[in-house]
Amino acid sequence: MKTTLLIMAAGIGSRFGTGIKQLEPVDDSNHIIMDYFDIQLQPFEELEKAMKWWKSNKL
C-alpha cells in the first residue's frame, strides 16, 4: 500500500479559525506536524511527485 503525505500549513491561519495551523493535532494521538520532523526519511512517492510539480510550475 502506498502512503501519501500532503502538508499544507503555511501562512498565519486567519481563515483557519482555531489558531496556529502548525500546532494543531494531525492524528488521534494529538501529535502536531513538528512531531514528524524526520518524515523526510519515509518513502512518500506522491510527495516527491507533488514537490517536482510545484518546483516546475511555481509562479
Protein backbone atom coordinates (compact mmCIF):
# COMPACT_ATOMS: atom_id res chain seq x y z
CA MET A 1 0.00 0.00 0.00
CA LYS A 2 1.34 3.42 -0.94
CA THR A 3 1.16 6.18 1.64
CA THR A 4 0.73 9.79 0.56
CA LEU A 5 1.60 12.78 2.71
CA LEU A 6 0.27 16.23 1.89
CA ILE A 7 1.23 19.13 4.12
CA MET A 8 -0.48 22.48 3.69
CA ALA A 9 0.38 24.50 6.77
CA ALA A 10 1.78 27.80 5.54
CA GLY A 11 0.51 31.23 6.49
CA ILE A 12 -0.90 32.73 9.67
CA GLY A 13 -4.23 30.91 9.55
CA SER A 14 -6.64 33.83 9.75
CA ARG A 15 -9.28 31.75 7.93
CA PHE A 16 -8.34 28.53 9.71
CA GLY A 17 -10.31 29.54 12.78
CA THR A 18 -8.58 27.67 15.59
CA GLY A 19 -5.24 29.43 15.77
CA ILE A 20 -1.86 28.33 14.53
CA LYS A 21 -2.20 25.55 11.96
CA GLN A 22 1.26 24.19 12.65
CA LEU A 23 0.29 23.49 16.28
CA GLU A 24 -2.99 21.68 15.57
CA PRO A 25 -3.09 17.91 16.20
CA VAL A 26 -2.84 15.89 12.99
CA ASP A 27 -3.68 12.43 14.32
CA ASP A 28 -5.62 10.59 17.02
CA SER A 29 -2.63 10.76 19.39
CA ASN A 30 -2.58 14.58 19.26
CA HIS A 31 0.78 14.80 17.50
CA ILE A 32 1.49 18.10 15.79
CA ILE A 33 3.19 18.33 12.41
CA MET A 34 6.52 19.21 14.07
CA ASP A 35 6.48 15.82 15.80
CA TYR A 36 7.15 14.38 12.36
CA PHE A 37 10.45 16.22 11.83
CA ASP A 38 12.05 13.04 10.46
CA ILE A 39 9.29 12.44 7.91
CA GLN A 40 11.71 13.04 5.04
CA LEU A 41 13.22 9.66 5.86
CA GLN A 42 9.98 7.92 4.85
CA PRO A 43 9.24 6.79 1.27
CA PHE A 44 6.41 9.10 0.20
CA GLU A 45 6.29 8.69 -3.58
CA GLU A 46 3.36 11.05 -4.07
CA LEU A 47 5.04 13.79 -2.03
CA GLU A 48 8.04 13.62 -4.32
CA LYS A 49 5.78 13.96 -7.37
CA ALA A 50 3.97 16.94 -5.83
CA MET A 51 7.25 18.68 -4.99
CA LYS A 52 8.58 18.14 -8.51
CA TRP A 53 5.32 19.52 -9.95
CA TRP A 54 5.43 22.55 -7.64
CA LYS A 55 9.04 23.34 -8.48
CA SER A 56 8.32 23.23 -12.22
CA ASN A 57 5.01 25.17 -12.05
CA LYS A 58 5.53 27.82 -9.38
CA LEU A 59 4.78 31.36 -10.46
